[in-house]
Amino acid sequence: MSSKYKTKNYDLTGISAAFLCMVHCLLFPLLVFIPIGISHNPYIDLIFLLIGIWSVYKSTKNNPLSLVKYILWSSILLISFSIFVHILFHWHSPTMYIGAVGLIIGHIINFKNHKHK
């Protein structure tokens, strides 16, 4: 299996995880208002973060495009900040959404770059 094929898979994993994370973050506040006994567990966000870190690392390990690396790693930092602020201070930062959108955009750019080679 070529490394370009593997990088595409890491980008698809990253896009999927970031999209699911964003859906989770957008829908969960709505579900809290429904009296079905759901409470937010920030450790689920940590799982998304770990998947994101893994896919960003694998996608950028041999990638010469510094803009894509900057977008992806900056997005991971925004998401990390949001999660740790939530765990420590119980405040949900909007940087989570910015980071998730950044991950999706960065992985799409990286995926398209490899698609044309």
N, C-alpha and C. Protein backbone atom coordinates (compact mmCIF):
# COMPACT_ATOMS: atom_id res chain seq x y z
N MET A 1 0.85 -1.17 0.00
CA MET A 1 0.00 0.00 0.00
C MET A 1 0.89 1.24 0.00
N SER A 2 0.67 2.15 -0.91
CA SER A 2 1.52 3.33 -1.02
C SER A 2 1.21 4.32 0.11
N SER A 3 2.20 5.19 0.39
CA SER A 3 2.02 6.16 1.47
C SER A 3 0.98 7.21 1.10
N LYS A 4 0.81 7.51 -0.20
CA LYS A 4 -0.22 8.46 -0.62
C LYS A 4 -1.60 7.92 -0.33
N TYR A 5 -1.81 6.61 -0.53
CA TYR A 5 -3.09 5.98 -0.24
C TYR A 5 -3.36 6.03 1.26
N LYS A 6 -2.32 5.76 2.06
CA LYS A 6 -2.48 5.80 3.51
C LYS A 6 -2.82 7.22 3.97
N THR A 7 -2.15 8.22 3.40
CA THR A 7 -2.41 9.60 3.78
C THR A 7 -3.85 9.98 3.46
N LYS A 8 -4.36 9.52 2.32
CA LYS A 8 -5.76 9.78 1.98
C LYS A 8 -6.68 9.20 3.05
N ASN A 9 -6.37 7.98 3.50
CA ASN A 9 -7.19 7.35 4.53
C ASN A 9 -7.14 8.13 5.84
N TYR A 10 -5.96 8.65 6.20
CA TYR A 10 -5.85 9.46 7.41
C TYR A 10 -6.64 10.75 7.27
N ASP A 11 -6.61 11.34 6.07
CA ASP A 11 -7.40 12.55 5.84
C ASP A 11 -8.89 12.24 5.94
N LEU A 12 -9.33 11.14 5.36
CA LEU A 12 -10.75 10.77 5.46
C LEU A 12 -11.15 10.50 6.91
N THR A 13 -10.26 9.84 7.67
CA THR A 13 -10.52 9.61 9.09
C THR A 13 -10.62 10.95 9.82
N GLY A 14 -9.71 11.87 9.53
CA GLY A 14 -9.73 13.18 10.16
C GLY A 14 -10.97 13.98 9.82
N ILE A 15 -11.36 13.96 8.55
CA ILE A 15 -12.58 14.67 8.13
C ILE A 15 -13.78 14.09 8.85
N SER A 16 -13.88 12.77 8.89
CA SER A 16 -15.02 12.11 9.53
C SER A 16 -15.07 12.41 11.03
N ALA A 17 -13.92 12.30 11.70
CA ALA A 17 -13.88 12.54 13.15
C ALA A 17 -14.21 14.00 13.46
N ALA A 18 -13.67 14.94 12.69
CA ALA A 18 -13.95 16.36 12.92
C ALA A 18 -15.42 16.67 12.67
N PHE A 19 -15.99 16.07 11.63
CA PHE A 19 -17.41 16.29 11.34
C PHE A 19 -18.27 15.72 12.46
N LEU A 20 -17.97 14.51 12.91
CA LEU A 20 -18.74 13.91 14.01
C LEU A 20 -18.59 14.71 15.30
N CYS A 21 -17.40 15.21 15.54
CA CYS A 21 -17.15 16.05 16.71
C CYS A 21 -18.00 17.31 16.64
N MET A 22 -18.04 17.94 15.47
CA MET A 22 -18.81 19.16 15.31
C MET A 22 -20.31 18.89 15.48
N VAL A 23 -20.80 17.79 14.92
CA VAL A 23 -22.21 17.43 15.09
C VAL A 23 -22.50 17.17 16.56
N HIS A 24 -21.60 16.45 17.23
CA HIS A 24 -21.75 16.18 18.66
C HIS A 24 -21.84 17.48 19.44
N CYS A 25 -20.95 18.42 19.13
CA CYS A 25 -20.92 19.69 19.86
C CYS A 25 -22.13 20.58 19.55
N LEU A 26 -22.67 20.47 18.36
CA LEU A 26 -23.83 21.28 18.00
C LEU A 26 -25.14 20.67 18.51
N LEU A 27 -25.27 19.36 18.46
CA LEU A 27 -26.52 18.71 18.85
C LEU A 27 -26.63 18.46 20.35
N PHE A 28 -25.52 18.24 21.03
CA PHE A 28 -25.60 17.89 22.43
C PHE A 28 -26.29 18.95 23.28
N PRO A 29 -25.98 20.25 23.09
CA PRO A 29 -26.70 21.25 23.89
C PRO A 29 -28.21 21.19 23.70
N LEU A 30 -28.67 20.82 22.52
CA LEU A 30 -30.10 20.68 22.28
C LEU A 30 -30.67 19.48 23.04
N LEU A 31 -29.90 18.40 23.12
CA LEU A 31 -30.37 17.20 23.81
C LEU A 31 -30.43 17.38 25.33
N VAL A 32 -29.65 18.30 25.87
CA VAL A 32 -29.65 18.54 27.31
C VAL A 32 -31.01 19.09 27.76
N PHE A 33 -31.67 19.83 26.88
CA PHE A 33 -32.97 20.41 27.24
C PHE A 33 -34.09 19.37 27.24
N ILE A 34 -33.88 18.25 26.59
CA ILE A 34 -34.88 17.18 26.58
C ILE A 34 -34.67 16.37 27.86
N PRO A 35 -35.69 16.22 28.68
CA PRO A 35 -35.51 15.53 29.97
C PRO A 35 -35.40 14.01 29.84
N ILE A 36 -34.26 13.54 29.29
CA ILE A 36 -34.05 12.09 29.16
C ILE A 36 -32.85 11.63 29.97
N GLY A 37 -32.32 12.51 30.81
CA GLY A 37 -31.24 12.12 31.71
C GLY A 37 -29.85 12.09 31.10
N ILE A 38 -29.62 12.85 30.05
CA ILE A 38 -28.30 12.89 29.42
C ILE A 38 -27.49 14.02 30.06
N SER A 39 -26.24 13.73 30.35
CA SER A 39 -25.33 14.79 30.80
C SER A 39 -24.08 14.73 29.94
N HIS A 40 -23.40 15.87 29.82
CA HIS A 40 -22.22 15.95 28.96
C HIS A 40 -21.03 15.30 29.64
N ASN A 41 -20.30 14.50 28.89
CA ASN A 41 -19.08 13.88 29.37
C ASN A 41 -17.94 14.40 28.50
N PRO A 42 -17.09 15.29 29.06
CA PRO A 42 -16.02 15.89 28.24
C PRO A 42 -14.96 14.87 27.81
N TYR A 43 -14.99 13.70 28.39
CA TYR A 43 -14.00 12.69 28.01
C TYR A 43 -14.33 12.10 26.63
N ILE A 44 -15.57 12.23 26.20
CA ILE A 44 -15.91 11.87 24.81
C ILE A 44 -15.18 12.82 23.87
N ASP A 45 -15.13 14.10 24.26
CA ASP A 45 -14.39 15.09 23.47
C ASP A 45 -12.91 14.73 23.39
N LEU A 46 -12.37 14.19 24.47
CA LEU A 46 -10.96 13.76 24.47
C LEU A 46 -10.73 12.63 23.48
N ILE A 47 -11.69 11.75 23.34
CA ILE A 47 -11.56 10.65 22.37
C ILE A 47 -11.49 11.23 20.95
N PHE A 48 -12.39 12.19 20.66
CA PHE A 48 -12.34 12.85 19.35
C PHE A 48 -10.99 13.55 19.16
N LEU A 49 -10.49 14.19 20.21
CA LEU A 49 -9.20 14.89 20.13
C LEU A 49 -8.07 13.91 19.83
N LEU A 50 -8.06 12.78 20.49
CA LEU A 50 -6.99 11.79 20.24
C LEU A 50 -7.04 11.26 18.82
N ILE A 51 -8.24 11.01 18.31
CA ILE A 51 -8.38 10.58 16.92
C ILE A 51 -7.88 11.69 15.99
N GLY A 52 -8.22 12.92 16.32
CA GLY A 52 -7.77 14.06 15.52
C GLY A 52 -6.26 14.22 15.52
N ILE A 53 -5.65 14.10 16.70
CA ILE A 53 -4.19 14.22 16.79
C ILE A 53 -3.52 13.12 15.97
N TRP A 54 -4.03 11.91 16.09
CA TRP A 54 -3.46 10.78 15.35
C TRP A 54 -3.57 11.01 13.84
N SER A 55 -4.74 11.43 13.37
CA SER A 55 -4.91 11.60 11.92
C SER A 55 -4.11 12.81 11.40
N VAL A 56 -4.00 13.88 12.21
CA VAL A 56 -3.20 15.04 11.78
C VAL A 56 -1.73 14.66 11.74
N TYR A 57 -1.26 13.96 12.75
CA TYR A 57 0.15 13.53 12.75
C TYR A 57 0.45 12.67 11.53
N LYS A 58 -0.40 11.68 11.28
CA LYS A 58 -0.16 10.78 10.14
C LYS A 58 -0.29 11.51 8.81
N SER A 59 -1.22 12.46 8.72
CA SER A 59 -1.41 13.20 7.47
C SER A 59 -0.29 14.17 7.18
N THR A 60 0.32 14.72 8.22
CA THR A 60 1.32 15.77 8.01
C THR A 60 2.75 15.29 8.19
N LYS A 61 2.94 14.05 8.58
CA LYS A 61 4.28 13.54 8.87
C LYS A 61 5.25 13.75 7.72
N ASN A 62 4.84 13.43 6.52
CA ASN A 62 5.72 13.56 5.35
C ASN A 62 5.19 14.60 4.36
N ASN A 63 4.40 15.54 4.85
CA ASN A 63 3.75 16.50 3.98
C ASN A 63 4.57 17.79 3.92
N PRO A 64 5.00 18.19 2.72
CA PRO A 64 5.80 19.41 2.60
C PRO A 64 4.97 20.70 2.65
N LEU A 65 3.64 20.60 2.57
CA LEU A 65 2.79 21.79 2.54
C LEU A 65 2.68 22.40 3.94
N SER A 66 3.41 23.48 4.16
CA SER A 66 3.42 24.07 5.49
C SER A 66 2.08 24.73 5.84
N LEU A 67 1.34 25.24 4.86
CA LEU A 67 0.04 25.84 5.14
C LEU A 67 -0.93 24.80 5.69
N VAL A 68 -0.95 23.62 5.09
CA VAL A 68 -1.83 22.55 5.56
C VAL A 68 -1.43 22.13 6.98
N LYS A 69 -0.13 21.99 7.22
CA LYS A 69 0.33 21.65 8.57
C LYS A 69 -0.11 22.71 9.57
N TYR A 70 0.04 23.98 9.21
CA TYR A 70 -0.35 25.08 10.09
C TYR A 70 -1.85 25.03 10.39
N ILE A 71 -2.67 24.84 9.38
CA ILE A 71 -4.12 24.78 9.56
C ILE A 71 -4.49 23.61 10.48
N LEU A 72 -3.95 22.43 10.19
CA LEU A 72 -4.32 21.24 10.96
C LEU A 72 -3.85 21.32 12.41
N TRP A 73 -2.60 21.68 12.63
CA TRP A 73 -2.08 21.73 14.01
C TRP A 73 -2.68 22.89 14.80
N SER A 74 -2.96 24.01 14.15
CA SER A 74 -3.63 25.12 14.84
C SER A 74 -5.04 24.72 15.25
N SER A 75 -5.70 23.97 14.39
CA SER A 75 -7.05 23.50 14.70
C SER A 75 -7.03 22.53 15.88
N ILE A 76 -6.04 21.65 15.92
CA ILE A 76 -5.90 20.73 17.05
C ILE A 76 -5.67 21.52 18.35
N LEU A 77 -4.86 22.57 18.28
CA LEU A 77 -4.62 23.39 19.47
C LEU A 77 -5.89 24.08 19.94
N LEU A 78 -6.70 24.59 19.02
CA LEU A 78 -7.97 25.22 19.39
C LEU A 78 -8.91 24.23 20.06
N ILE A 79 -9.00 23.04 19.51
CA ILE A 79 -9.86 22.01 20.09
C ILE A 79 -9.33 21.60 21.46
N SER A 80 -8.02 21.42 21.58
CA SER A 80 -7.41 21.05 22.87
C SER A 80 -7.71 22.11 23.92
N PHE A 81 -7.53 23.38 23.55
CA PHE A 81 -7.82 24.47 24.47
C PHE A 81 -9.27 24.39 24.95
N SER A 82 -10.19 24.22 24.03
CA SER A 82 -11.60 24.18 24.37
C SER A 82 -11.92 23.02 25.32
N ILE A 83 -11.36 21.86 25.03
CA ILE A 83 -11.64 20.68 25.88
C ILE A 83 -11.08 20.88 27.27
N PHE A 84 -9.84 21.34 27.38
CA PHE A 84 -9.23 21.49 28.70
C PHE A 84 -9.87 22.62 29.50
N VAL A 85 -10.32 23.68 28.84
CA VAL A 85 -11.05 24.73 29.54
C VAL A 85 -12.37 24.17 30.07
N HIS A 86 -13.01 23.34 29.25
CA HIS A 86 -14.27 22.73 29.69
C HIS A 86 -14.06 21.79 30.88
N ILE A 87 -13.02 20.98 30.83
CA ILE A 87 -12.75 20.05 31.93
C ILE A 87 -12.38 20.80 33.21
N LEU A 88 -11.54 21.81 33.09
CA LEU A 88 -11.05 22.52 34.27
C LEU A 88 -12.04 23.54 34.84
N PHE A 89 -12.73 24.26 33.96
CA PHE A 89 -13.57 25.38 34.41
C PHE A 89 -15.06 25.22 34.08
N HIS A 90 -15.44 24.12 33.45
CA HIS A 90 -16.83 23.84 33.08
C HIS A 90 -17.42 24.94 32.20
N TRP A 91 -16.58 25.47 31.32
CA TRP A 91 -17.00 26.50 30.37
C TRP A 91 -16.74 25.97 28.97
N HIS A 92 -17.76 26.02 28.13
CA HIS A 92 -17.62 25.51 26.76
C HIS A 92 -17.21 26.65 25.84
N SER A 93 -15.98 26.58 25.36
CA SER A 93 -15.43 27.63 24.49
C SER A 93 -15.84 27.41 23.04
N PRO A 94 -16.18 28.48 22.34
CA PRO A 94 -16.52 28.34 20.92
C PRO A 94 -15.33 28.00 20.03
N THR A 95 -14.12 27.97 20.59
CA THR A 95 -12.96 27.58 19.78
C THR A 95 -13.06 26.14 19.28
N MET A 96 -13.91 25.35 19.93
CA MET A 96 -14.12 23.97 19.49
C MET A 96 -14.66 23.94 18.06
N TYR A 97 -15.62 24.81 17.77
CA TYR A 97 -16.22 24.85 16.45
C TYR A 97 -15.23 25.33 15.39
N ILE A 98 -14.47 26.35 15.75
CA ILE A 98 -13.47 26.88 14.82
C ILE A 98 -12.43 25.81 14.51
N GLY A 99 -12.00 25.09 15.55
CA GLY A 99 -11.02 24.02 15.36
C GLY A 99 -11.57 22.88 14.51
N ALA A 100 -12.82 22.50 14.74
CA ALA A 100 -13.42 21.41 13.95
C ALA A 100 -13.53 21.79 12.48
N VAL A 101 -13.96 23.02 12.22
CA VAL A 101 -14.05 23.49 10.83
C VAL A 101 -12.65 23.55 10.20
N GLY A 102 -11.67 24.01 10.98
CA GLY A 102 -10.29 24.05 10.48
C GLY A 102 -9.76 22.67 10.14
N LEU A 103 -10.07 21.68 10.98
CA LEU A 103 -9.64 20.31 10.68
C LEU A 103 -10.27 19.80 9.39
N ILE A 104 -11.55 20.04 9.25
CA ILE A 104 -12.23 19.58 8.04
C ILE A 104 -11.62 20.24 6.80
N ILE A 105 -11.43 21.55 6.85
CA ILE A 105 -10.85 22.28 5.71
C ILE A 105 -9.42 21.80 5.43
N GLY A 106 -8.60 21.68 6.48
CA GLY A 106 -7.21 21.24 6.29
C GLY A 106 -7.11 19.85 5.70
N HIS A 107 -7.94 18.92 6.20
CA HIS A 107 -7.91 17.56 5.66
C HIS A 107 -8.42 17.51 4.23
N ILE A 108 -9.41 18.33 3.90
CA ILE A 108 -9.91 18.36 2.52
C ILE A 108 -8.83 18.89 1.58
N ILE A 109 -8.15 19.96 1.99
CA ILE A 109 -7.06 20.50 1.16
C ILE A 109 -5.97 19.44 0.97
N ASN A 110 -5.60 18.78 2.05
CA ASN A 110 -4.56 17.75 1.98
C ASN A 110 -5.01 16.58 1.11
N PHE A 111 -6.26 16.17 1.26
CA PHE A 111 -6.80 15.06 0.47
C PHE A 111 -6.78 15.41 -1.02
N LYS A 112 -7.23 16.61 -1.35
CA LYS A 112 -7.25 17.03 -2.76
C LYS A 112 -5.85 17.15 -3.33
N ASN A 113 -4.90 17.58 -2.53
CA ASN A 113 -3.51 17.68 -2.99
C ASN A 113 -2.98 16.32 -3.38
N HIS A 114 -3.26 15.29 -2.60
CA HIS A 114 -2.78 13.94 -2.91
C HIS A 114 -3.58 13.29 -4.03
N LYS A 115 -4.82 13.70 -4.20
CA LYS A 115 -5.67 13.12 -5.24
C LYS A 115 -5.15 13.41 -6.63
N HIS A 116 -4.54 14.57 -6.82
CA HIS A 116 -4.09 14.98 -8.15
C HIS A 116 -2.68 14.53 -8.49
N LYS A 117 -2.00 13.85 -7.56
CA LYS A 117 -0.64 13.40 -7.85
C LYS A 117 -0.60 12.02 -8.40
